């Protein structure tokens, strides 16, 4: 399939991204570069200096809301992408409202309880809608352990074992690999 054909398909698709940190910001940028028509992004956090080691933000965006900074960055990369940004803490009720029109939802939060809430809500309240989660992105090395696994409508990208801690921080290379795996899986689902 030629890139123009791919772009014609992707321009009609809407992808939801729950979380605009390391996974979400890098996944959104990858999808914008290939020409996804609409991105719906949601997060309530602000860009901090310590985010710059792995998130798609810049020094001059420190203190800015992540959804606004990411929307600005995407517009620079591909002004044809329609970005709808929600500065909000997601819960089961607003999650359904915000992401109901999406073809696929990408789960990109750090906290286990947020990951669980998003996955459970999508699987129970939006049957048939694929959700792609990132799990196990801390540290570095061990490339062979990073994989994708499917359980029904849930797809998991990562090594599924390395939890973030003070001694095992998330680092740009591994976070970027998993974020791009998530974006690649979005394409695989949409173009199959």
N, C-alpha and C. Protein backbone atom coordinates (compact mmCIF):
# COMPACT_ATOMS: atom_id res chain seq x y z
N UNK A 1 0.84 -1.17 0.00
CA UNK A 1 0.00 0.00 0.00
C UNK A 1 0.89 1.24 0.00
N UNK A 2 0.61 2.18 -0.87
CA UNK A 2 1.39 3.41 -0.96
C UNK A 2 0.99 4.37 0.16
N UNK A 3 1.93 5.29 0.47
CA UNK A 3 1.69 6.21 1.59
C UNK A 3 0.43 7.03 1.38
N UNK A 4 0.14 7.46 0.17
CA UNK A 4 -1.08 8.24 -0.09
C UNK A 4 -2.33 7.43 0.23
N UNK A 5 -2.31 6.15 -0.09
CA UNK A 5 -3.45 5.29 0.24
C UNK A 5 -3.60 5.15 1.75
N UNK A 6 -2.47 4.96 2.42
CA UNK A 6 -2.47 4.86 3.88
C UNK A 6 -3.02 6.14 4.49
N UNK A 7 -2.52 7.27 4.01
CA UNK A 7 -2.95 8.57 4.52
C UNK A 7 -4.45 8.78 4.32
N UNK A 8 -4.99 8.35 3.17
CA UNK A 8 -6.42 8.50 2.91
C UNK A 8 -7.26 7.71 3.91
N UNK A 9 -6.78 6.54 4.31
CA UNK A 9 -7.49 5.76 5.31
C UNK A 9 -7.37 6.42 6.68
N UNK A 10 -6.15 6.80 7.05
CA UNK A 10 -5.89 7.34 8.39
C UNK A 10 -6.57 8.69 8.62
N UNK A 11 -6.73 9.49 7.56
CA UNK A 11 -7.36 10.81 7.71
C UNK A 11 -8.80 10.71 8.22
N UNK A 12 -9.42 9.55 8.06
CA UNK A 12 -10.80 9.36 8.47
C UNK A 12 -10.91 8.76 9.88
N UNK A 13 -9.79 8.56 10.54
CA UNK A 13 -9.77 7.85 11.83
C UNK A 13 -9.53 8.80 13.00
N UNK A 14 -10.10 8.41 14.13
CA UNK A 14 -9.95 9.16 15.38
C UNK A 14 -9.33 8.26 16.42
N UNK A 15 -8.24 8.72 17.02
CA UNK A 15 -7.55 7.96 18.05
C UNK A 15 -7.58 8.75 19.36
N UNK A 16 -7.95 8.07 20.42
CA UNK A 16 -7.94 8.68 21.75
C UNK A 16 -6.67 8.31 22.49
N UNK A 17 -6.09 9.28 23.17
CA UNK A 17 -4.88 9.02 23.96
C UNK A 17 -5.13 9.52 25.38
N UNK A 18 -5.18 8.56 26.30
CA UNK A 18 -5.43 8.86 27.71
C UNK A 18 -4.09 8.97 28.42
N UNK A 19 -3.64 10.19 28.60
CA UNK A 19 -2.34 10.46 29.21
C UNK A 19 -1.38 11.05 28.21
N UNK A 20 -0.75 12.16 28.57
CA UNK A 20 0.13 12.87 27.64
C UNK A 20 1.56 12.95 28.17
N UNK A 21 1.99 11.92 28.88
CA UNK A 21 3.36 11.87 29.39
C UNK A 21 4.27 11.22 28.37
N UNK A 22 5.17 10.36 28.85
CA UNK A 22 6.15 9.73 27.97
C UNK A 22 5.52 8.90 26.87
N UNK A 23 4.64 7.98 27.23
CA UNK A 23 3.99 7.15 26.22
C UNK A 23 3.04 7.97 25.35
N UNK A 24 2.15 8.72 25.99
CA UNK A 24 1.12 9.45 25.24
C UNK A 24 1.66 10.51 24.31
N UNK A 25 2.62 11.31 24.77
CA UNK A 25 3.14 12.38 23.91
C UNK A 25 3.89 11.82 22.72
N UNK A 26 4.70 10.79 22.94
CA UNK A 26 5.47 10.19 21.84
C UNK A 26 4.57 9.41 20.88
N UNK A 27 3.56 8.72 21.39
CA UNK A 27 2.62 8.00 20.53
C UNK A 27 1.82 8.99 19.68
N UNK A 28 1.36 10.08 20.29
CA UNK A 28 0.59 11.09 19.56
C UNK A 28 1.40 11.69 18.43
N UNK A 29 2.67 11.99 18.69
CA UNK A 29 3.54 12.57 17.66
C UNK A 29 3.73 11.58 16.51
N UNK A 30 3.95 10.30 16.82
CA UNK A 30 4.12 9.29 15.77
C UNK A 30 2.85 9.20 14.91
N UNK A 31 1.69 9.24 15.54
CA UNK A 31 0.43 9.17 14.79
C UNK A 31 0.18 10.43 13.97
N UNK A 32 0.58 11.57 14.50
CA UNK A 32 0.44 12.82 13.75
C UNK A 32 1.34 12.79 12.51
N UNK A 33 2.54 12.25 12.64
CA UNK A 33 3.48 12.20 11.52
C UNK A 33 2.96 11.34 10.37
N UNK A 34 2.20 10.29 10.68
CA UNK A 34 1.67 9.43 9.61
C UNK A 34 0.32 9.90 9.10
N UNK A 35 -0.26 10.93 9.72
CA UNK A 35 -1.46 11.55 9.17
C UNK A 35 -2.79 11.07 9.71
N UNK A 36 -2.84 10.61 10.97
CA UNK A 36 -4.14 10.29 11.57
C UNK A 36 -4.98 11.57 11.54
N UNK A 37 -6.25 11.42 11.19
CA UNK A 37 -7.10 12.60 11.01
C UNK A 37 -7.42 13.36 12.28
N UNK A 38 -7.69 12.63 13.37
CA UNK A 38 -8.09 13.31 14.60
C UNK A 38 -7.50 12.60 15.80
N UNK A 39 -6.94 13.38 16.71
CA UNK A 39 -6.44 12.87 17.98
C UNK A 39 -7.23 13.54 19.10
N UNK A 40 -7.73 12.73 20.01
CA UNK A 40 -8.38 13.24 21.22
C UNK A 40 -7.44 12.90 22.36
N UNK A 41 -6.89 13.93 23.01
CA UNK A 41 -5.91 13.73 24.06
C UNK A 41 -6.48 14.26 25.38
N UNK A 42 -6.14 13.56 26.47
CA UNK A 42 -6.63 13.97 27.79
C UNK A 42 -5.56 13.76 28.84
N UNK A 43 -5.36 14.77 29.67
CA UNK A 43 -4.42 14.73 30.78
C UNK A 43 -4.68 15.98 31.62
N UNK A 44 -4.27 15.96 32.88
CA UNK A 44 -4.48 17.12 33.74
C UNK A 44 -3.17 17.68 34.29
N UNK A 45 -2.06 17.16 33.82
CA UNK A 45 -0.75 17.49 34.37
C UNK A 45 -0.09 18.64 33.59
N UNK A 46 0.99 19.18 34.17
CA UNK A 46 1.78 20.22 33.50
C UNK A 46 3.17 19.66 33.19
N UNK A 47 3.81 20.26 32.22
CA UNK A 47 5.17 19.88 31.84
C UNK A 47 6.14 20.33 32.93
N UNK A 48 6.96 19.38 33.39
CA UNK A 48 7.99 19.68 34.38
C UNK A 48 9.36 19.38 33.78
N UNK A 49 10.38 20.00 34.34
CA UNK A 49 11.73 19.82 33.81
C UNK A 49 12.14 18.35 33.77
N UNK A 50 11.78 17.59 34.81
CA UNK A 50 12.17 16.18 34.85
C UNK A 50 11.41 15.32 33.83
N UNK A 51 10.40 15.87 33.16
CA UNK A 51 9.69 15.15 32.09
C UNK A 51 10.48 15.14 30.79
N UNK A 52 11.37 16.10 30.62
CA UNK A 52 12.04 16.30 29.34
C UNK A 52 12.96 15.15 28.94
N UNK A 53 13.29 14.26 29.89
CA UNK A 53 14.17 13.13 29.54
C UNK A 53 13.45 12.06 28.73
N UNK A 54 12.11 12.15 28.60
CA UNK A 54 11.40 11.09 27.90
C UNK A 54 10.09 11.53 27.23
N UNK A 55 9.66 12.75 27.47
CA UNK A 55 8.38 13.21 26.94
C UNK A 55 8.60 14.21 25.81
N UNK A 56 7.65 14.28 24.88
CA UNK A 56 7.83 15.10 23.69
C UNK A 56 7.45 16.56 23.98
N UNK A 57 8.25 17.18 24.84
CA UNK A 57 8.08 18.59 25.18
C UNK A 57 9.44 19.27 25.15
N UNK A 58 9.41 20.59 25.26
CA UNK A 58 10.63 21.37 25.16
C UNK A 58 10.78 22.25 26.39
N UNK A 59 12.02 22.69 26.62
CA UNK A 59 12.35 23.47 27.81
C UNK A 59 11.42 24.68 27.98
N UNK A 60 11.10 25.35 26.87
CA UNK A 60 10.26 26.55 26.97
C UNK A 60 8.79 26.22 27.28
N UNK A 61 8.44 24.93 27.34
CA UNK A 61 7.07 24.54 27.65
C UNK A 61 6.89 24.13 29.12
N UNK A 62 7.96 24.21 29.90
CA UNK A 62 7.86 23.88 31.33
C UNK A 62 6.82 24.78 31.97
N UNK A 63 5.91 24.17 32.76
CA UNK A 63 4.84 24.91 33.43
C UNK A 63 3.54 24.97 32.64
N UNK A 64 3.61 24.61 31.37
CA UNK A 64 2.43 24.64 30.51
C UNK A 64 1.65 23.33 30.68
N UNK A 65 0.34 23.38 30.53
CA UNK A 65 -0.47 22.17 30.56
C UNK A 65 -0.02 21.23 29.45
N UNK A 66 0.13 19.95 29.77
CA UNK A 66 0.63 18.99 28.78
C UNK A 66 -0.26 18.92 27.54
N UNK A 67 -1.58 18.94 27.73
CA UNK A 67 -2.46 18.82 26.56
C UNK A 67 -2.31 20.01 25.62
N UNK A 68 -2.09 21.19 26.17
CA UNK A 68 -1.91 22.39 25.35
C UNK A 68 -0.55 22.35 24.65
N UNK A 69 0.50 21.99 25.39
CA UNK A 69 1.85 21.91 24.81
C UNK A 69 1.90 20.84 23.72
N UNK A 70 1.27 19.69 23.96
CA UNK A 70 1.28 18.61 22.97
C UNK A 70 0.49 19.02 21.73
N UNK A 71 -0.63 19.66 21.93
CA UNK A 71 -1.42 20.15 20.79
C UNK A 71 -0.59 21.12 19.95
N UNK A 72 0.12 22.03 20.61
CA UNK A 72 0.99 22.99 19.90
C UNK A 72 2.08 22.25 19.11
N UNK A 73 2.70 21.24 19.73
CA UNK A 73 3.77 20.50 19.07
C UNK A 73 3.25 19.73 17.85
N UNK A 74 2.08 19.14 18.00
CA UNK A 74 1.49 18.40 16.88
C UNK A 74 1.17 19.34 15.72
N UNK A 75 0.68 20.52 16.02
CA UNK A 75 0.36 21.49 14.95
C UNK A 75 1.60 21.88 14.16
N UNK A 76 2.75 21.93 14.83
CA UNK A 76 4.01 22.23 14.15
C UNK A 76 4.41 21.06 13.24
N UNK A 77 4.18 19.85 13.70
CA UNK A 77 4.56 18.64 12.95
C UNK A 77 3.63 18.40 11.78
N UNK A 78 2.31 18.50 12.02
CA UNK A 78 1.32 18.23 10.98
C UNK A 78 0.06 19.03 11.27
N UNK A 79 -0.05 20.18 10.64
CA UNK A 79 -1.18 21.09 10.91
C UNK A 79 -2.52 20.54 10.42
N UNK A 80 -2.50 19.46 9.65
CA UNK A 80 -3.74 18.86 9.16
C UNK A 80 -4.44 17.98 10.20
N UNK A 81 -3.73 17.60 11.26
CA UNK A 81 -4.33 16.76 12.29
C UNK A 81 -5.23 17.62 13.17
N UNK A 82 -6.47 17.16 13.35
CA UNK A 82 -7.42 17.82 14.23
C UNK A 82 -7.16 17.28 15.64
N UNK A 83 -6.72 18.15 16.55
CA UNK A 83 -6.42 17.73 17.92
C UNK A 83 -7.46 18.35 18.85
N UNK A 84 -8.15 17.48 19.57
CA UNK A 84 -9.07 17.94 20.61
C UNK A 84 -8.43 17.61 21.94
N UNK A 85 -8.14 18.63 22.74
CA UNK A 85 -7.40 18.46 24.00
C UNK A 85 -8.33 18.69 25.19
N UNK A 86 -8.28 17.77 26.15
CA UNK A 86 -9.07 17.86 27.38
C UNK A 86 -8.13 17.92 28.57
N UNK A 87 -8.14 19.06 29.26
CA UNK A 87 -7.37 19.25 30.48
C UNK A 87 -8.27 18.77 31.63
N UNK A 88 -8.18 17.47 31.91
CA UNK A 88 -9.12 16.86 32.85
C UNK A 88 -8.52 15.59 33.44
N UNK A 89 -8.88 15.30 34.68
CA UNK A 89 -8.53 14.02 35.29
C UNK A 89 -9.63 13.04 34.89
N UNK A 90 -9.24 11.98 34.22
CA UNK A 90 -10.22 11.03 33.72
C UNK A 90 -10.82 10.18 34.82
N UNK A 91 -12.11 9.90 34.67
CA UNK A 91 -12.83 8.96 35.53
C UNK A 91 -13.75 8.16 34.62
N UNK A 92 -14.39 7.10 35.11
CA UNK A 92 -15.20 6.26 34.22
C UNK A 92 -16.28 7.04 33.45
N UNK A 93 -16.89 8.01 34.07
CA UNK A 93 -17.97 8.75 33.41
C UNK A 93 -17.45 9.65 32.28
N UNK A 94 -16.46 10.51 32.59
CA UNK A 94 -15.98 11.43 31.54
C UNK A 94 -15.15 10.71 30.48
N UNK A 95 -14.52 9.60 30.85
CA UNK A 95 -13.75 8.80 29.90
C UNK A 95 -14.66 8.33 28.75
N UNK A 96 -15.82 7.82 29.09
CA UNK A 96 -16.76 7.34 28.07
C UNK A 96 -17.20 8.49 27.18
N UNK A 97 -17.53 9.61 27.78
CA UNK A 97 -17.98 10.78 27.01
C UNK A 97 -16.89 11.30 26.07
N UNK A 98 -15.67 11.42 26.57
CA UNK A 98 -14.57 12.00 25.80
C UNK A 98 -14.12 11.08 24.65
N UNK A 99 -14.05 9.77 24.91
CA UNK A 99 -13.46 8.85 23.93
C UNK A 99 -14.46 7.99 23.16
N UNK A 100 -15.75 8.24 23.30
CA UNK A 100 -16.75 7.37 22.65
C UNK A 100 -16.65 7.36 21.13
N UNK A 101 -16.20 8.45 20.52
CA UNK A 101 -16.12 8.52 19.05
C UNK A 101 -14.81 7.97 18.49
N UNK A 102 -13.93 7.49 19.34
CA UNK A 102 -12.61 7.02 18.89
C UNK A 102 -12.68 5.63 18.28
N UNK A 103 -11.85 5.40 17.27
CA UNK A 103 -11.72 4.07 16.69
C UNK A 103 -10.88 3.17 17.58
N UNK A 104 -9.89 3.75 18.23
CA UNK A 104 -8.98 3.03 19.13
C UNK A 104 -8.62 3.98 20.27
N UNK A 105 -8.41 3.41 21.46
CA UNK A 105 -7.96 4.21 22.60
C UNK A 105 -6.58 3.70 23.02
N UNK A 106 -5.66 4.63 23.23
CA UNK A 106 -4.32 4.31 23.73
C UNK A 106 -4.27 4.73 25.19
N UNK A 107 -3.99 3.77 26.06
CA UNK A 107 -3.83 4.04 27.50
C UNK A 107 -2.36 4.35 27.73
N UNK A 108 -2.08 5.53 28.32
CA UNK A 108 -0.69 5.96 28.45
C UNK A 108 -0.43 6.63 29.80
N UNK A 109 -1.00 6.10 30.86
CA UNK A 109 -0.79 6.66 32.19
C UNK A 109 0.29 5.91 32.94
N UNK A 110 0.88 6.58 33.93
CA UNK A 110 1.92 5.99 34.78
C UNK A 110 1.33 5.17 35.92
N UNK A 111 0.30 5.71 36.55
CA UNK A 111 -0.23 5.11 37.78
C UNK A 111 -1.06 3.86 37.49
N UNK A 112 -0.77 2.80 38.25
CA UNK A 112 -1.44 1.51 38.06
C UNK A 112 -2.95 1.63 38.21
N UNK A 113 -3.42 2.41 39.19
CA UNK A 113 -4.87 2.53 39.40
C UNK A 113 -5.55 3.26 38.24
N UNK A 114 -4.87 4.22 37.62
CA UNK A 114 -5.44 4.89 36.44
C UNK A 114 -5.47 3.94 35.25
N UNK A 115 -4.39 3.19 35.06
CA UNK A 115 -4.35 2.20 33.98
C UNK A 115 -5.52 1.22 34.13
N UNK A 116 -5.68 0.71 35.34
CA UNK A 116 -6.73 -0.27 35.60
C UNK A 116 -8.11 0.33 35.34
N UNK A 117 -8.35 1.54 35.82
CA UNK A 117 -9.64 2.19 35.63
C UNK A 117 -9.96 2.37 34.15
N UNK A 118 -8.99 2.85 33.39
CA UNK A 118 -9.21 3.09 31.96
C UNK A 118 -9.46 1.77 31.23
N UNK A 119 -8.62 0.78 31.47
CA UNK A 119 -8.78 -0.51 30.80
C UNK A 119 -10.13 -1.15 31.14
N UNK A 120 -10.46 -1.19 32.43
CA UNK A 120 -11.72 -1.81 32.85
C UNK A 120 -12.93 -1.07 32.28
N UNK A 121 -12.87 0.26 32.26
CA UNK A 121 -13.99 1.05 31.74
C UNK A 121 -14.17 0.81 30.25
N UNK A 122 -13.09 0.85 29.49
CA UNK A 122 -13.20 0.65 28.05
C UNK A 122 -13.71 -0.76 27.75
N UNK A 123 -13.14 -1.77 28.39
CA UNK A 123 -13.54 -3.15 28.11
C UNK A 123 -14.99 -3.42 28.50
N UNK A 124 -15.46 -2.82 29.59
CA UNK A 124 -16.83 -3.11 30.04
C UNK A 124 -17.87 -2.19 29.40
N UNK A 125 -17.52 -0.93 29.17
CA UNK A 125 -18.51 0.04 28.70
C UNK A 125 -18.44 0.33 27.21
N UNK A 126 -17.36 -0.07 26.54
CA UNK A 126 -17.20 0.15 25.11
C UNK A 126 -16.79 -1.15 24.42
N UNK A 127 -17.63 -2.17 24.51
CA UNK A 127 -17.24 -3.46 23.95
C UNK A 127 -16.90 -3.37 22.46
N UNK A 128 -15.86 -4.08 22.07
CA UNK A 128 -15.43 -4.09 20.68
C UNK A 128 -14.44 -3.00 20.32
N UNK A 129 -14.24 -2.03 21.23
CA UNK A 129 -13.29 -0.95 20.95
C UNK A 129 -11.90 -1.37 21.42
N UNK A 130 -10.92 -1.41 20.53
CA UNK A 130 -9.56 -1.79 20.94
C UNK A 130 -8.95 -0.76 21.88
N UNK A 131 -8.26 -1.27 22.90
CA UNK A 131 -7.49 -0.40 23.80
C UNK A 131 -6.07 -0.95 23.86
N UNK A 132 -5.11 -0.02 23.70
CA UNK A 132 -3.69 -0.39 23.66
C UNK A 132 -3.01 0.22 24.88
N UNK A 133 -2.48 -0.64 25.73
CA UNK A 133 -1.87 -0.21 26.98
C UNK A 133 -0.36 -0.38 26.93
N UNK A 134 0.34 0.51 27.63
CA UNK A 134 1.79 0.40 27.80
C UNK A 134 2.07 -0.10 29.21
N UNK A 135 2.81 -1.19 29.32
CA UNK A 135 3.07 -1.78 30.64
C UNK A 135 4.48 -2.34 30.69
N UNK A 136 5.30 -1.78 31.57
CA UNK A 136 6.69 -2.21 31.70
C UNK A 136 7.61 -1.40 30.82
N UNK A 137 7.85 -0.13 31.20
CA UNK A 137 8.67 0.76 30.38
C UNK A 137 9.83 1.37 31.15
N UNK A 138 10.05 0.92 32.38
CA UNK A 138 11.10 1.52 33.20
C UNK A 138 12.48 0.99 32.80
N UNK A 139 13.48 1.80 33.05
CA UNK A 139 14.86 1.37 32.88
C UNK A 139 15.35 1.42 31.45
N UNK A 140 16.26 0.50 31.15
CA UNK A 140 16.94 0.49 29.85
C UNK A 140 17.35 -0.94 29.53
N UNK A 141 17.79 -1.14 28.30
CA UNK A 141 18.29 -2.45 27.89
C UNK A 141 17.21 -3.51 27.80
N UNK A 142 17.63 -4.77 27.67
CA UNK A 142 16.73 -5.93 27.62
C UNK A 142 15.67 -5.78 26.52
N UNK A 143 16.12 -5.34 25.35
CA UNK A 143 15.20 -5.12 24.22
C UNK A 143 14.37 -6.35 23.88
N UNK A 144 14.95 -7.53 24.03
CA UNK A 144 14.25 -8.76 23.64
C UNK A 144 13.01 -9.03 24.48
N UNK A 145 12.89 -8.40 25.65
CA UNK A 145 11.73 -8.65 26.51
C UNK A 145 10.53 -7.76 26.15
N UNK A 146 10.74 -6.76 25.30
CA UNK A 146 9.66 -5.84 24.93
C UNK A 146 8.83 -6.50 23.82
N UNK A 147 7.54 -6.60 24.07
CA UNK A 147 6.68 -7.33 23.14
C UNK A 147 5.26 -6.76 23.16
N UNK A 148 4.42 -7.33 22.31
CA UNK A 148 3.00 -7.01 22.29
C UNK A 148 2.23 -8.29 22.56
N UNK A 149 1.19 -8.16 23.39
CA UNK A 149 0.34 -9.30 23.71
C UNK A 149 -1.11 -8.85 23.61
N UNK A 150 -1.96 -9.70 23.05
CA UNK A 150 -3.38 -9.38 22.90
C UNK A 150 -4.22 -10.30 23.78
N UNK A 151 -5.18 -9.68 24.49
CA UNK A 151 -6.16 -10.40 25.28
C UNK A 151 -7.51 -9.80 24.91
N UNK A 152 -8.20 -10.40 23.95
CA UNK A 152 -9.47 -9.86 23.46
C UNK A 152 -9.24 -8.51 22.81
N UNK A 153 -9.95 -7.48 23.29
CA UNK A 153 -9.82 -6.12 22.75
C UNK A 153 -8.68 -5.33 23.40
N UNK A 154 -7.97 -5.95 24.35
CA UNK A 154 -6.85 -5.31 25.04
C UNK A 154 -5.54 -5.77 24.42
N UNK A 155 -4.71 -4.78 24.07
CA UNK A 155 -3.37 -5.03 23.56
C UNK A 155 -2.39 -4.42 24.56
N UNK A 156 -1.35 -5.16 24.91
CA UNK A 156 -0.37 -4.68 25.89
C UNK A 156 0.99 -4.61 25.22
N UNK A 157 1.62 -3.44 25.29
CA UNK A 157 2.96 -3.23 24.74
C UNK A 157 3.92 -2.94 25.89
N UNK A 158 5.05 -3.59 25.91
CA UNK A 158 6.06 -3.36 26.93
C UNK A 158 6.67 -4.67 27.37
N UNK A 159 7.43 -4.63 28.46
CA UNK A 159 8.02 -5.88 28.95
C UNK A 159 7.16 -6.51 30.04
N UNK A 160 6.16 -5.79 30.51
CA UNK A 160 5.20 -6.26 31.53
C UNK A 160 5.86 -6.65 32.84
N UNK A 161 7.08 -6.15 33.11
CA UNK A 161 7.73 -6.53 34.36
C UNK A 161 8.45 -5.39 35.07
N UNK A 162 8.97 -4.41 34.33
CA UNK A 162 9.75 -3.37 35.00
C UNK A 162 8.86 -2.22 35.45
N UNK A 163 8.70 -2.11 36.76
CA UNK A 163 7.92 -1.02 37.32
C UNK A 163 8.83 0.17 37.59
N UNK A 164 8.28 1.35 37.39
CA UNK A 164 9.03 2.57 37.63
C UNK A 164 9.27 2.74 39.14
N UNK A 165 10.50 3.08 39.47
CA UNK A 165 10.87 3.37 40.86
C UNK A 165 12.03 4.36 40.84
N UNK A 166 12.45 4.78 42.02
CA UNK A 166 13.57 5.71 42.11
C UNK A 166 14.84 5.12 41.51
N UNK A 167 15.04 3.81 41.69
CA UNK A 167 16.22 3.13 41.15
C UNK A 167 16.01 2.56 39.76
N UNK A 168 14.79 2.65 39.24
CA UNK A 168 14.48 2.16 37.90
C UNK A 168 13.55 3.17 37.23
N UNK A 169 14.09 4.37 36.89
CA UNK A 169 13.25 5.41 36.29
C UNK A 169 12.92 5.11 34.83
N UNK A 170 11.83 5.70 34.35
CA UNK A 170 11.55 5.59 32.91
C UNK A 170 12.55 6.45 32.15
N UNK A 171 13.11 5.89 31.07
CA UNK A 171 14.12 6.58 30.28
C UNK A 171 13.65 6.68 28.83
N UNK A 172 14.10 7.72 28.15
CA UNK A 172 13.63 8.03 26.79
C UNK A 172 13.70 6.84 25.82
N UNK A 173 14.80 6.09 25.75
CA UNK A 173 14.84 5.03 24.73
C UNK A 173 13.73 3.98 24.90
N UNK A 174 13.57 3.44 26.10
CA UNK A 174 12.57 2.39 26.31
C UNK A 174 11.15 2.94 26.21
N UNK A 175 10.92 4.10 26.79
CA UNK A 175 9.60 4.74 26.69
C UNK A 175 9.27 4.99 25.22
N UNK A 176 10.24 5.50 24.47
CA UNK A 176 10.03 5.78 23.05
C UNK A 176 9.73 4.52 22.25
N UNK A 177 10.43 3.43 22.56
CA UNK A 177 10.19 2.17 21.87
C UNK A 177 8.75 1.72 22.09
N UNK A 178 8.32 1.72 23.35
CA UNK A 178 6.97 1.25 23.67
C UNK A 178 5.91 2.19 23.09
N UNK A 179 6.13 3.50 23.17
CA UNK A 179 5.17 4.46 22.59
C UNK A 179 5.03 4.26 21.09
N UNK A 180 6.15 4.00 20.43
CA UNK A 180 6.10 3.76 18.99
C UNK A 180 5.51 2.39 18.66
N UNK A 181 5.68 1.42 19.55
CA UNK A 181 4.99 0.14 19.39
C UNK A 181 3.47 0.35 19.47
N UNK A 182 3.05 1.19 20.41
CA UNK A 182 1.62 1.49 20.52
C UNK A 182 1.10 2.13 19.24
N UNK A 183 1.84 3.12 18.73
CA UNK A 183 1.43 3.79 17.48
C UNK A 183 1.43 2.81 16.32
N UNK A 184 2.44 1.94 16.25
CA UNK A 184 2.53 0.95 15.19
C UNK A 184 1.35 -0.03 15.26
N UNK A 185 0.94 -0.39 16.46
CA UNK A 185 -0.19 -1.28 16.64
C UNK A 185 -1.49 -0.59 16.22
N UNK A 186 -1.62 0.71 16.49
CA UNK A 186 -2.77 1.46 16.00
C UNK A 186 -2.86 1.31 14.48
N UNK A 187 -1.73 1.51 13.79
CA UNK A 187 -1.71 1.38 12.33
C UNK A 187 -2.06 -0.04 11.90
N UNK A 188 -1.50 -1.03 12.58
CA UNK A 188 -1.78 -2.41 12.23
C UNK A 188 -3.28 -2.72 12.31
N UNK A 189 -3.92 -2.26 13.37
CA UNK A 189 -5.36 -2.49 13.54
C UNK A 189 -6.15 -1.75 12.48
N UNK A 190 -5.82 -0.48 12.25
CA UNK A 190 -6.59 0.34 11.31
C UNK A 190 -6.40 -0.07 9.84
N UNK A 191 -5.21 -0.57 9.51
CA UNK A 191 -4.90 -0.85 8.11
C UNK A 191 -5.06 -2.32 7.73
N UNK A 192 -5.41 -3.15 8.70
CA UNK A 192 -5.59 -4.58 8.40
C UNK A 192 -6.90 -4.82 7.66
